[in-house]
Amino acid sequence: MKNPLKKAYEFVAPNPEDLWKRSGANPSEGEVPLFDLDTLKKDDVEAAKNGRIIDHNNEEVGDYFSFSIETSDGIDRTARVYIPDDDRRSSSDMVLHADTAWLTTITGHNDYAASKFVSQTGLPMIVVGAEHGTNREQYPKELLRLGQTAIQSTGISLAKSAQSSQLISSYLQEKFDLPTNMLKTGESRGAMLTPAHLAYAEMYGNKILYSDTTAPCMPTKLFSERGDSIRLAAWMGFESMGGLALGLDILRQQALKRRLGTVAFNPNFMVSNVIGVGPALFSGEFGEFSKWVPQDAAMYYSTFKNDLFTKPAVLRDLYKDHPNVYIRTHKSGTHATLANDKVIDAKSMRFNAFQTLYADKGESISSSDLRVIYEMRPDQSYGLQAAA
C-alpha cells in the first residue's frame, strides 16, 4: 500500500506525464502531448457582452467583448477580446495574447493590464481565462455542478490549457478578423503557459513572434529540491511584505476600483483552481516546456529577486541553448510586483520596440537586434533599473 504522505504529495505535485494521461493524451517520451479538443456551443459564444476599454488615464480607447466558451471536454472558460479604435490602432499585423494568473479572472487586474497594453501599444488583444471560469447557472443551481467540476479538474494540465487557449483564440481571431502573428504576454500561470503555446500555435494557424512574460514559477516540482521547505517559508514572508507594498501603491494611485474582481469567488472556479490548476503549477510541468521551445524563439522573462520559486538560475540552465531567450532578475521585488504599473509599462515599451524592429527587418531579426530590446531600461520614473 502506498505511503499516505507520498500519495498526498503526488496529488499536490503530480508528474507531468501523469497529468497528460489524465487529460487524455499519451505522448511518447519527448513528444508534445496532443489533446482531443474542439469548441462547443458556438451559439453561446455569439452572445457576447461588450463595453468600452478604459485605459490608465481614464480615456476610452476601444471596445472589448466578453465570452463564455465551452470546449468539447465539457470545460468552460471566459475570454475577452480588446479592439482599439481605428485612430489608436497600430499598423503592425500583430495581436497580443495572454492567459490569466492562478486564481484570477479576466476582470480586475487582468482587464486593467490589458487595457493598458492596448492603449500603449495600439494592438488588439485576447485574454483567455482558466478552467471553469463561468457562471453557467444562477445560484444556488450553480453549486450543483461542484462534483462534476471536481472530477473534471483532475484532468487539468498546463499543456492542455495552452492548447485550449490557442483553440479558443483561433476562433476569436477569425470572428474579429485579427492577425495570426502573435505577441505573447502573461503573469505567473500565464507566463508558465507561454512556452507551451509555442508547441501548439502552428496547429491553429498562429505564429508567436515574441513573448514577454513576468514571474513564472516552479520550473521544478515543488519540494523536489533541497531547501524548498525553507524557501517556501521565506517566500511567504516576502510575499506578505510585497503584497502590502503593492496594495499601498494601488491605494496611492486611487486605482483600487479598477482591480476589484481580480479574484473570482465562483465556487466551481475555486475548486478547479485548487484541485486542478494548483497541482499542475506545482508539478514542474513548466520546466518540461523548455524542451518544446524552438532554439531561435525570442522570449523575455522578468523575474524578481525575492520571488523565490521562480528559480531564475534553473531557468537559465533550461534555456542555455536558446540564444534569444533572456531571463532578467530585478534587484528587488516579490511575486506581487508583477501587478505593478511600472512592470506593465516596461513590457509595453519592449512590445513597441519589437513592433518597430519587425516592421524594419521582418523575419531577418538577429540575436543582436533582440539584445537591444532586452537591454532597454525605462527611465527613473519607472523605477526598474539595471538587472542583477
Protein backbone atom coordinates (compact mmCIF):
# COMPACT_ATOMS: atom_id res chain seq x y z
CA MET A 1 0.00 0.00 0.00
CA LYS A 2 1.35 3.41 -0.97
CA ASN A 3 2.59 5.67 1.83
CA PRO A 4 -0.21 8.16 2.62
CA LEU A 5 2.25 11.07 2.67
CA LYS A 6 3.65 10.06 -0.70
CA LYS A 7 0.12 9.71 -2.08
CA ALA A 8 -0.77 13.18 -0.81
CA TYR A 9 2.41 14.60 -2.33
CA GLU A 10 1.67 13.04 -5.71
CA PHE A 11 -1.81 14.61 -5.58
CA VAL A 12 -0.42 18.07 -4.77
CA ALA A 13 2.51 17.79 -7.21
CA PRO A 14 1.88 15.03 -9.78
CA ASN A 15 4.31 14.09 -12.53
CA PRO A 16 3.66 16.00 -15.79
CA GLU A 17 3.26 12.73 -17.72
CA ASP A 18 0.52 11.63 -15.32
CA LEU A 19 -1.30 14.92 -15.86
CA TRP A 20 -1.14 14.48 -19.63
CA LYS A 21 -2.51 10.95 -19.40
CA ARG A 22 -5.36 12.12 -17.16
CA SER A 23 -6.06 14.82 -19.75
CA GLY A 24 -6.43 12.20 -22.47
CA ALA A 25 -3.00 12.30 -24.13
CA ASN A 26 -0.39 9.54 -24.27
CA PRO A 27 2.77 11.09 -25.71
CA SER A 28 5.94 9.16 -26.29
CA GLU A 29 8.96 10.40 -24.38
CA GLY A 30 9.94 13.87 -25.51
CA GLU A 31 6.86 14.34 -27.68
CA VAL A 32 4.39 17.17 -27.27
CA PRO A 33 1.07 15.78 -25.93
CA LEU A 34 -1.94 16.43 -28.14
CA PHE A 35 -5.42 16.67 -26.68
CA ASP A 36 -8.75 15.98 -28.37
CA LEU A 37 -10.30 19.44 -28.26
CA ASP A 38 -12.81 21.42 -30.25
CA THR A 39 -15.02 24.36 -29.38
CA LEU A 40 -18.63 23.74 -28.42
CA LYS A 41 -21.81 25.76 -28.08
CA LYS A 42 -20.92 28.47 -30.56
CA ASP A 43 -24.40 29.90 -30.12
CA ASP A 44 -23.31 30.80 -26.61
CA VAL A 45 -20.07 32.22 -27.96
CA GLU A 46 -22.04 34.58 -30.16
CA ALA A 47 -23.82 36.03 -27.12
CA ALA A 48 -21.02 38.42 -26.19
CA LYS A 49 -21.23 41.22 -23.66
CA ASN A 50 -19.28 44.29 -24.70
CA GLY A 51 -18.20 47.67 -23.39
CA ARG A 52 -15.64 50.41 -23.87
CA ILE A 53 -11.97 49.99 -22.98
CA ILE A 54 -10.99 52.50 -20.30
CA ASP A 55 -7.23 52.96 -20.10
CA HIS A 56 -4.99 54.03 -17.21
CA ASN A 57 -5.71 57.70 -17.99
CA ASN A 58 -9.47 57.05 -17.80
CA GLU A 59 -9.75 57.60 -21.55
CA GLU A 60 -11.87 55.45 -23.87
CA VAL A 61 -9.57 53.75 -26.36
CA GLY A 62 -11.65 51.00 -27.96
CA ASP A 63 -14.19 48.21 -27.42
CA TYR A 64 -14.00 44.94 -25.51
CA PHE A 65 -16.10 41.81 -25.96
CA SER A 66 -16.51 39.13 -23.27
CA PHE A 67 -17.27 35.48 -23.99
CA SER A 68 -18.18 32.26 -22.21
CA ILE A 69 -16.80 29.33 -24.18
CA GLU A 70 -17.05 25.60 -23.61
CA THR A 71 -14.70 23.14 -25.27
CA SER A 72 -15.53 19.59 -26.27
CA ASP A 73 -14.16 18.18 -22.99
CA GLY A 74 -17.03 19.95 -21.21
CA ILE A 75 -14.80 22.58 -19.60
CA ASP A 76 -15.94 26.20 -19.67
CA ARG A 77 -13.75 29.31 -19.79
CA THR A 78 -14.15 33.03 -20.11
CA ALA A 79 -12.31 35.08 -22.71
CA ARG A 80 -12.15 38.74 -23.65
CA VAL A 81 -11.20 40.47 -26.91
CA TYR A 82 -9.93 44.07 -26.94
CA ILE A 83 -10.14 46.09 -30.16
CA PRO A 84 -8.59 49.58 -30.18
CA ASP A 85 -10.36 52.39 -32.02
CA ASP A 86 -9.15 52.95 -35.57
CA ASP A 87 -7.39 56.20 -34.69
CA ARG A 88 -5.42 54.42 -31.95
CA ARG A 89 -4.67 51.15 -33.69
CA SER A 90 -1.14 50.21 -34.62
CA SER A 91 -0.35 49.42 -38.25
CA SER A 92 1.50 46.27 -37.11
CA ASP A 93 -0.01 42.97 -38.24
CA MET A 94 0.04 41.52 -34.72
CA VAL A 95 -2.24 40.58 -31.84
CA LEU A 96 -1.33 40.46 -28.16
CA HIS A 97 -2.34 37.36 -26.23
CA ALA A 98 -2.37 36.49 -22.52
CA ASP A 99 -3.58 33.75 -20.18
CA THR A 100 -4.57 34.68 -16.66
CA ALA A 101 -2.63 34.12 -13.42
CA TRP A 102 -3.65 31.50 -10.87
CA LEU A 103 -6.95 32.25 -9.07
CA THR A 104 -7.61 35.34 -11.19
CA THR A 105 -10.33 36.10 -13.72
CA ILE A 106 -10.39 38.16 -16.91
CA THR A 107 -11.72 41.11 -14.88
CA GLY A 108 -9.98 43.27 -12.26
CA HIS A 109 -6.20 43.40 -12.65
CA ASN A 110 -6.15 41.39 -15.89
CA ASP A 111 -8.62 43.79 -17.51
CA TYR A 112 -6.65 46.76 -16.21
CA ALA A 113 -3.36 45.42 -17.58
CA ALA A 114 -4.92 44.50 -20.95
CA SER A 115 -6.48 47.94 -21.27
CA LYS A 116 -3.08 49.49 -20.60
CA PHE A 117 -1.34 47.29 -23.16
CA VAL A 118 -3.92 48.11 -25.83
CA SER A 119 -3.68 51.83 -25.10
CA GLN A 120 0.13 51.89 -25.02
CA THR A 121 0.83 49.58 -27.99
CA GLY A 122 -2.19 50.14 -30.24
CA LEU A 123 -2.54 46.37 -30.70
CA PRO A 124 -5.71 44.28 -30.32
CA MET A 125 -5.54 41.73 -27.53
CA ILE A 126 -7.08 38.42 -26.45
CA VAL A 127 -7.15 37.28 -22.82
CA VAL A 128 -8.20 33.69 -22.03
CA GLY A 129 -9.20 32.67 -18.52
CA ALA A 130 -8.58 29.43 -16.64
CA GLU A 131 -10.84 26.40 -16.46
CA HIS A 132 -14.38 26.58 -15.02
CA GLY A 133 -14.41 30.37 -15.02
CA THR A 134 -18.04 30.97 -16.00
CA ASN A 135 -21.34 31.04 -14.14
CA ARG A 136 -23.49 28.60 -16.09
CA GLU A 137 -26.48 28.82 -13.78
CA GLN A 138 -27.99 31.20 -11.29
CA TYR A 139 -27.20 30.50 -7.64
CA PRO A 140 -27.84 28.17 -5.89
CA LYS A 141 -28.13 25.94 -9.01
CA GLU A 142 -24.51 26.74 -9.87
CA LEU A 143 -23.47 24.77 -6.78
CA LEU A 144 -24.99 21.59 -8.18
CA ARG A 145 -22.13 21.07 -10.62
CA LEU A 146 -19.36 21.18 -8.00
CA GLY A 147 -18.97 17.39 -8.08
CA GLN A 148 -18.63 17.34 -11.85
CA THR A 149 -16.15 20.23 -11.67
CA ALA A 150 -14.03 18.37 -9.13
CA ILE A 151 -13.88 15.27 -11.34
CA GLN A 152 -13.04 17.27 -14.47
CA SER A 153 -10.37 19.24 -12.62
CA THR A 154 -8.18 16.18 -12.07
CA GLY A 155 -7.54 16.22 -15.83
CA ILE A 156 -6.21 19.79 -15.95
CA SER A 157 -2.64 20.26 -17.18
CA LEU A 158 -0.79 23.37 -18.27
CA ALA A 159 -0.13 21.79 -21.66
CA LYS A 160 -3.83 21.17 -22.24
CA SER A 161 -4.62 24.69 -21.02
CA ALA A 162 -2.20 26.11 -23.59
CA GLN A 163 -3.66 24.06 -26.45
CA SER A 164 -7.19 25.00 -25.40
CA SER A 165 -6.20 28.67 -25.22
CA GLN A 166 -4.81 28.53 -28.77
CA LEU A 167 -8.01 26.84 -29.97
CA ILE A 168 -10.23 29.49 -28.35
CA SER A 169 -8.02 32.30 -29.62
CA SER A 170 -8.09 30.99 -33.18
CA TYR A 171 -11.88 31.07 -33.10
CA LEU A 172 -11.93 34.64 -31.76
CA GLN A 173 -9.24 35.75 -34.22
CA GLU A 174 -11.39 34.51 -37.09
CA LYS A 175 -14.51 36.10 -35.64
CA PHE A 176 -12.85 39.53 -35.35
CA ASP A 177 -10.53 39.20 -38.36
CA LEU A 178 -7.45 39.56 -36.14
CA PRO A 179 -3.84 38.86 -37.21
CA THR A 180 -2.24 35.45 -36.81
CA ASN A 181 1.11 36.96 -35.81
CA MET A 182 1.03 36.78 -32.03
CA LEU A 183 2.91 38.56 -29.25
CA LYS A 184 2.57 36.59 -26.02
CA THR A 185 2.46 38.01 -22.52
CA GLY A 186 1.23 36.79 -19.15
CA GLU A 187 1.99 36.72 -15.46
CA SER A 188 2.61 33.77 -13.12
CA ARG A 189 0.42 30.95 -14.53
CA GLY A 190 0.11 32.93 -17.77
CA ALA A 191 3.91 33.13 -18.02
CA MET A 192 4.20 29.39 -17.34
CA LEU A 193 1.79 28.52 -20.17
CA THR A 194 3.65 30.64 -22.71
CA PRO A 195 6.43 28.22 -23.78
CA ALA A 196 3.79 25.51 -24.30
CA HIS A 197 1.94 27.87 -26.66
CA LEU A 198 4.95 27.73 -28.97
CA ALA A 199 4.27 24.00 -29.40
CA TYR A 200 0.58 24.45 -30.27
CA ALA A 201 0.32 27.80 -32.07
CA GLU A 202 1.10 26.45 -35.56
CA MET A 203 -1.69 23.85 -35.22
CA TYR A 204 -4.16 26.73 -35.09
CA GLY A 205 -2.60 28.90 -37.78
CA ASN A 206 -0.73 31.24 -35.42
CA LYS A 207 2.88 32.30 -35.25
CA ILE A 208 4.36 33.59 -32.00
CA LEU A 209 6.91 36.23 -32.92
CA TYR A 210 7.96 37.27 -29.42
CA SER A 211 6.94 36.63 -25.82
CA ASP A 212 7.42 38.92 -22.82
CA THR A 213 6.20 37.42 -19.56
CA THR A 214 6.52 38.03 -15.83
CA ALA A 215 7.10 35.95 -12.69
CA PRO A 216 6.82 32.33 -13.87
CA CYS A 217 7.09 29.79 -11.05
CA MET A 218 8.10 26.22 -10.35
CA PRO A 219 10.38 25.14 -13.22
CA THR A 220 10.96 22.11 -10.97
CA LYS A 221 8.43 20.12 -8.98
CA LEU A 222 7.51 21.54 -5.58
CA PHE A 223 9.77 20.14 -2.82
CA SER A 224 11.89 18.25 -5.35
CA GLU A 225 14.96 20.31 -4.47
CA ARG A 226 16.74 20.54 -1.15
CA GLY A 227 15.79 23.72 0.66
CA ASP A 228 12.31 24.07 -0.89
CA SER A 229 10.66 23.89 2.55
CA ILE A 230 12.78 26.76 3.86
CA ARG A 231 12.32 28.58 0.56
CA LEU A 232 8.52 28.30 0.92
CA ALA A 233 8.56 29.82 4.42
CA ALA A 234 10.78 32.70 3.25
CA TRP A 235 8.66 33.19 0.14
CA MET A 236 5.51 33.59 2.25
CA GLY A 237 7.24 36.24 4.36
CA PHE A 238 8.45 38.16 1.33
CA GLU A 239 5.02 37.98 -0.29
CA SER A 240 3.33 39.37 2.83
CA MET A 241 5.54 42.44 2.56
CA GLY A 242 5.29 42.60 -1.22
CA GLY A 243 1.51 42.35 -1.20
CA LEU A 244 1.27 45.13 1.38
CA ALA A 245 3.57 47.37 -0.66
CA LEU A 246 1.55 46.72 -3.81
CA GLY A 247 -1.72 47.43 -2.00
CA LEU A 248 -0.42 50.74 -0.69
CA ASP A 249 0.79 51.66 -4.16
CA ILE A 250 -2.61 50.86 -5.68
CA LEU A 251 -4.34 52.96 -2.99
CA ARG A 252 -1.90 55.82 -3.61
CA GLN A 253 -2.79 55.74 -7.31
CA GLN A 254 -6.50 55.58 -6.46
CA ALA A 255 -6.67 52.50 -8.68
CA LEU A 256 -8.33 50.10 -6.25
CA LYS A 257 -11.67 50.18 -8.06
CA ARG A 258 -10.01 49.02 -11.30
CA ARG A 259 -8.54 45.98 -9.53
CA LEU A 260 -11.79 44.77 -7.95
CA GLY A 261 -12.91 41.43 -9.35
CA THR A 262 -9.36 40.14 -9.82
CA VAL A 263 -10.10 37.02 -7.76
CA ALA A 264 -13.32 35.14 -8.51
CA PHE A 265 -15.42 33.64 -5.75
CA ASN A 266 -17.36 31.29 -8.01
CA PRO A 267 -17.06 28.00 -6.06
CA ASN A 268 -16.57 25.98 -9.26
CA PHE A 269 -13.68 28.21 -10.29
CA MET A 270 -12.09 27.94 -6.85
CA VAL A 271 -12.47 24.14 -6.73
CA SER A 272 -10.95 23.89 -10.21
CA ASN A 273 -8.02 26.10 -9.23
CA VAL A 274 -7.29 24.14 -6.05
CA ILE A 275 -7.80 20.59 -7.37
CA GLY A 276 -6.63 21.10 -10.95
CA VAL A 277 -4.65 24.24 -11.74
CA GLY A 278 -2.65 24.27 -8.50
CA PRO A 279 -1.24 20.73 -8.84
CA ALA A 280 -0.37 21.45 -12.48
CA LEU A 281 1.58 24.54 -11.40
CA PHE A 282 3.40 22.59 -8.68
CA SER A 283 4.23 19.61 -10.93
CA GLY A 284 7.28 21.09 -12.65
CA GLU A 285 5.40 20.89 -15.97
CA PHE A 286 6.53 24.42 -16.81
CA GLY A 287 10.16 23.31 -16.84
CA GLU A 288 9.34 20.49 -19.27
CA PHE A 289 8.09 23.01 -21.83
CA SER A 290 11.61 24.30 -22.46
CA LYS A 291 12.19 21.11 -24.48
CA TRP A 292 9.42 22.15 -26.87
CA VAL A 293 10.65 25.70 -27.50
CA PRO A 294 12.34 26.27 -30.88
CA GLN A 295 16.01 27.11 -30.49
CA ASP A 296 15.60 30.53 -32.13
CA ALA A 297 12.49 31.57 -30.14
CA ALA A 298 12.53 35.19 -28.91
CA MET A 299 11.47 35.15 -25.25
CA TYR A 300 11.89 37.59 -22.36
CA TYR A 301 11.23 36.53 -18.76
CA SER A 302 11.03 39.15 -15.98
CA THR A 303 11.79 37.72 -12.54
CA PHE A 304 12.23 39.33 -9.12
CA LYS A 305 14.93 38.78 -6.50
CA ASN A 306 12.57 37.81 -3.68
CA ASP A 307 10.18 35.70 -5.76
CA LEU A 308 12.00 32.59 -4.62
CA PHE A 309 10.13 29.91 -6.55
CA THR A 310 10.86 31.48 -9.93
CA LYS A 311 14.36 29.98 -9.64
CA PRO A 312 15.97 32.06 -12.43
CA ALA A 313 19.19 30.02 -12.22
CA VAL A 314 17.19 26.92 -13.16
CA LEU A 315 15.52 28.82 -16.00
CA ARG A 316 18.88 29.95 -17.35
CA ASP A 317 20.10 26.37 -17.35
CA LEU A 318 16.94 25.12 -19.10
CA TYR A 319 17.35 27.72 -21.85
CA LYS A 320 21.15 27.74 -22.10
CA ASP A 321 20.95 26.52 -25.73
CA HIS A 322 18.41 29.19 -26.72
CA PRO A 323 20.38 32.33 -27.61
CA ASN A 324 17.28 34.53 -27.95
CA VAL A 325 15.81 33.70 -24.53
CA TYR A 326 16.59 36.33 -21.90
CA ILE A 327 15.92 35.95 -18.16
CA ARG A 328 16.13 39.20 -16.25
CA THR A 329 16.18 39.26 -12.46
CA HIS A 330 15.35 42.63 -10.91
CA LYS A 331 17.35 43.57 -7.84
CA SER A 332 14.19 43.80 -5.75
CA GLY A 333 10.54 42.77 -5.87
CA THR A 334 8.36 39.80 -4.95
CA HIS A 335 5.76 37.78 -6.85
CA ALA A 336 3.20 40.50 -6.13
CA THR A 337 5.38 43.01 -8.01
CA LEU A 338 4.08 41.54 -11.27
CA ALA A 339 0.96 43.72 -10.84
CA ASN A 340 2.94 46.95 -10.52
CA ASP A 341 2.16 49.58 -13.15
CA LYS A 342 5.86 50.09 -13.81
CA VAL A 343 6.23 46.45 -14.86
CA ILE A 344 3.34 46.76 -17.32
CA ASP A 345 4.81 49.99 -18.72
CA ALA A 346 8.18 48.33 -19.27
CA LYS A 347 6.53 45.49 -21.19
CA SER A 348 4.68 47.95 -23.41
CA MET A 349 8.00 49.66 -24.10
CA ARG A 350 9.52 46.38 -25.30
CA PHE A 351 6.43 45.43 -27.33
CA ASN A 352 6.59 48.80 -29.10
CA ALA A 353 10.31 48.36 -29.75
CA PHE A 354 9.62 44.91 -31.21
CA GLN A 355 6.88 46.32 -33.46
CA THR A 356 9.37 48.85 -34.83
CA LEU A 357 12.10 46.25 -35.26
CA TYR A 358 9.78 43.77 -37.01
CA ALA A 359 8.49 46.48 -39.37
CA ASP A 360 12.09 47.24 -40.30
CA LYS A 361 13.57 43.72 -40.50
CA GLY A 362 10.72 41.21 -40.54
CA GLU A 363 11.98 37.63 -40.37
CA SER A 364 15.60 38.84 -40.55
CA ILE A 365 15.72 39.94 -36.90
CA SER A 366 19.05 38.86 -35.38
CA SER A 367 20.10 37.99 -31.85
CA SER A 368 21.93 41.30 -31.58
CA ASP A 369 18.75 43.14 -32.63
CA LEU A 370 16.79 41.40 -29.90
CA ARG A 371 19.53 42.09 -27.38
CA VAL A 372 18.96 45.83 -27.89
CA ILE A 373 15.30 45.34 -26.86
CA TYR A 374 16.21 43.07 -23.97
CA GLU A 375 18.67 45.59 -22.56
CA MET A 376 16.33 48.58 -22.81
CA ARG A 377 15.72 50.18 -19.44
CA PRO A 378 12.85 52.52 -18.60
CA ASP A 379 13.73 55.90 -17.16
CA GLN A 380 13.81 56.70 -13.45
CA SER A 381 10.05 57.25 -13.33
CA TYR A 382 9.52 53.53 -13.88
CA GLY A 383 11.84 52.65 -11.04
CA LEU A 384 13.19 49.49 -12.70
CA GLN A 385 16.90 49.88 -13.24
CA ALA A 386 19.85 47.61 -14.01
CA ALA A 387 19.35 43.87 -13.78
CA ALA A 388 21.30 41.72 -11.37
